[in-house]
Protein backbone atom coordinates (compact mmCIF):
# COMPACT_ATOMS: atom_id res chain seq x y z
CA MET A 1 0.00 0.00 0.00
CA ASN A 2 1.30 3.42 -0.91
CA GLU A 3 2.06 5.38 2.30
CA ASN A 4 1.01 8.71 0.74
CA VAL A 5 -2.44 7.36 -0.09
CA ALA A 6 -2.99 6.17 3.48
CA ASN A 7 -2.07 9.59 4.90
CA ASP A 8 -4.44 11.37 2.53
CA ASN A 9 -7.39 9.56 4.12
CA ILE A 10 -6.66 10.79 7.65
CA GLU A 11 -9.08 13.51 8.61
CA GLN A 12 -7.45 16.51 10.26
CA PRO A 13 -9.08 17.68 13.51
CA THR A 14 -11.02 20.91 13.29
CA ARG A 15 -9.55 23.85 15.07
CA LYS A 16 -11.89 25.17 17.76
CA VAL A 17 -12.26 28.75 18.93
CA LEU A 18 -11.99 28.87 22.71
CA THR A 19 -12.64 32.04 24.68
CA PHE A 20 -11.46 32.29 28.27
CA ILE A 21 -12.90 35.09 30.39
CA SER A 22 -10.99 35.83 33.56
CA ARG A 23 -13.08 37.90 36.00
CA LYS A 24 -11.48 37.33 39.41
CA SER A 25 -8.72 39.16 41.24
CA PRO A 26 -5.33 37.45 41.08
CA TYR A 27 -5.01 36.37 44.70
CA GLY A 28 -7.15 34.76 47.40
CA GLN A 29 -8.50 31.92 45.28
CA ASN A 30 -7.27 29.82 42.34
CA TYR A 31 -9.53 31.09 39.55
CA ALA A 32 -6.91 33.34 37.93
CA LYS A 33 -4.21 30.66 37.94
CA ALA A 34 -6.65 28.00 36.73
CA CYS A 35 -7.72 30.19 33.81
CA LEU A 36 -4.11 30.90 32.82
CA ASP A 37 -3.28 27.19 32.97
CA MET A 38 -6.30 26.38 30.77
CA VAL A 39 -5.29 29.03 28.22
CA LEU A 40 -1.75 27.69 27.97
CA SER A 41 -2.97 24.10 27.72
CA ALA A 42 -5.45 24.93 24.96
CA SER A 43 -2.80 26.74 22.96
CA VAL A 44 -0.52 23.67 23.10
CA PHE A 45 -3.27 21.72 21.35
CA ASP A 46 -3.35 24.25 18.50
CA GLN A 47 -6.72 25.77 19.32
CA GLN A 48 -7.56 29.38 18.58
CA VAL A 49 -7.57 31.08 21.97
CA ASN A 50 -9.14 34.37 23.02
CA TYR A 51 -8.11 35.49 26.51
CA VAL A 52 -10.34 38.20 27.99
CA PHE A 53 -9.85 40.07 31.26
CA MET A 54 -12.78 41.90 32.76
CA ASP A 55 -14.26 42.97 36.09
CA ASP A 56 -11.70 42.34 38.87
CA GLY A 57 -9.76 40.13 36.45
CA VAL A 58 -8.04 43.25 35.11
CA TRP A 59 -6.09 43.41 38.40
CA GLN A 60 -4.22 40.29 37.25
CA LEU A 61 -2.47 42.39 34.61
CA ARG A 62 -1.46 45.33 36.80
CA ARG A 63 2.23 46.19 36.93
CA GLY A 64 4.04 46.31 40.25
CA GLN A 65 2.29 43.52 42.09
CA GLU A 66 4.03 42.39 45.27
CA PRO A 67 2.14 39.30 46.46
CA ALA A 68 5.01 38.06 48.62
CA ALA A 69 3.47 40.10 51.44
CA ILE A 70 0.53 37.67 51.42
CA ASP A 71 2.78 34.66 50.79
CA SER A 72 1.69 34.20 47.16
CA LYS A 73 3.52 33.87 43.87
CA ASN A 74 3.40 36.74 41.40
CA LEU A 75 0.87 35.56 38.84
CA SER A 76 1.52 38.52 36.54
CA ALA A 77 5.05 37.26 35.84
CA ALA A 78 3.55 34.15 34.19
CA PHE A 79 1.77 36.23 31.55
CA SER A 80 5.06 36.67 29.69
CA ALA A 81 4.63 33.00 28.65
CA LEU A 82 1.59 33.87 26.53
CA SER A 83 3.75 34.97 23.62
CA LEU A 84 5.84 31.79 23.87
CA TYR A 85 2.62 29.77 23.55
CA GLU A 86 1.53 31.97 20.63
CA VAL A 87 -1.51 33.33 22.48
CA GLU A 88 -2.02 36.55 20.56
CA ASN A 89 -5.69 37.37 21.12
CA VAL A 90 -5.55 38.99 24.55
CA TYR A 91 -8.27 41.50 25.39
CA VAL A 92 -9.11 43.67 28.35
CA ASP A 93 -12.50 45.24 29.00
CA ALA A 94 -11.97 48.99 28.70
CA GLN A 95 -14.81 49.79 31.12
CA SER A 96 -13.36 47.46 33.77
CA LEU A 97 -10.02 49.25 33.45
CA GLN A 98 -11.65 52.65 33.73
CA ASP A 99 -13.79 51.63 36.72
CA ARG A 100 -10.63 50.60 38.59
CA GLY A 101 -8.56 53.65 37.64
CA LEU A 102 -6.26 51.65 35.35
CA ALA A 103 -5.02 52.32 31.82
CA ALA A 104 -3.46 50.08 29.18
CA GLU A 105 -0.05 51.48 30.17
CA ASP A 106 -0.50 50.02 33.67
CA LEU A 107 -0.58 46.45 32.36
CA VAL A 108 2.28 43.92 32.34
CA ILE A 109 1.41 42.68 28.83
CA ASP A 110 -0.09 44.15 25.70
CA ALA A 111 -3.82 43.54 25.81
CA THR A 112 -6.27 45.07 23.40
CA PRO A 113 -8.82 47.26 25.17
CA CYS A 114 -12.32 46.47 23.93
CA THR A 115 -15.98 47.14 24.62
CA ALA A 116 -18.57 44.85 26.12
CA GLY A 117 -20.05 44.55 22.61
CA HIS A 118 -16.78 43.24 21.24
CA ILE A 119 -16.53 40.71 24.08
CA ALA A 120 -20.09 39.57 23.35
CA SER A 121 -19.13 39.14 19.69
CA LEU A 122 -16.09 37.04 20.65
CA MET A 123 -18.33 34.83 22.77
CA ARG A 124 -20.85 34.34 19.93
CA GLN A 125 -18.06 33.35 17.53
CA SER A 126 -16.56 30.84 19.97
CA ASP A 127 -17.14 27.13 20.04
CA VAL A 128 -16.61 27.10 23.82
CA VAL A 129 -16.53 29.90 26.42
CA PHE A 130 -14.93 29.42 29.83
CA ASN A 131 -16.02 32.01 32.35
CA LEU A 132 -13.82 32.11 35.43
């Protein structure tokens, strides 16, 4: 049997669009870390990943965090791995930033500020939405 013919019959898996919405502050519970771990895992499996920060989740991206005072690891340092995992679609809710007195310049990574309407559109276009 010709090896090329056999490989032509293998169906390639469909790439899914996964949107992860991180809404919780970075410390005090494991939601933020769990969401980051899920994003990195999904990207390893070649899925299209949208990573959205809103509500208190925007605090995860704030520069200058010093969680050692509460005996925690600095979660924001792990966000530098997003580019290594080719996670490029990172968004932050502009209203959530404004409500907390933050600006895009205050963030440890480049995240695209967007409106609630844009986030809703991302969710509609996704195969799966994880809301943490």
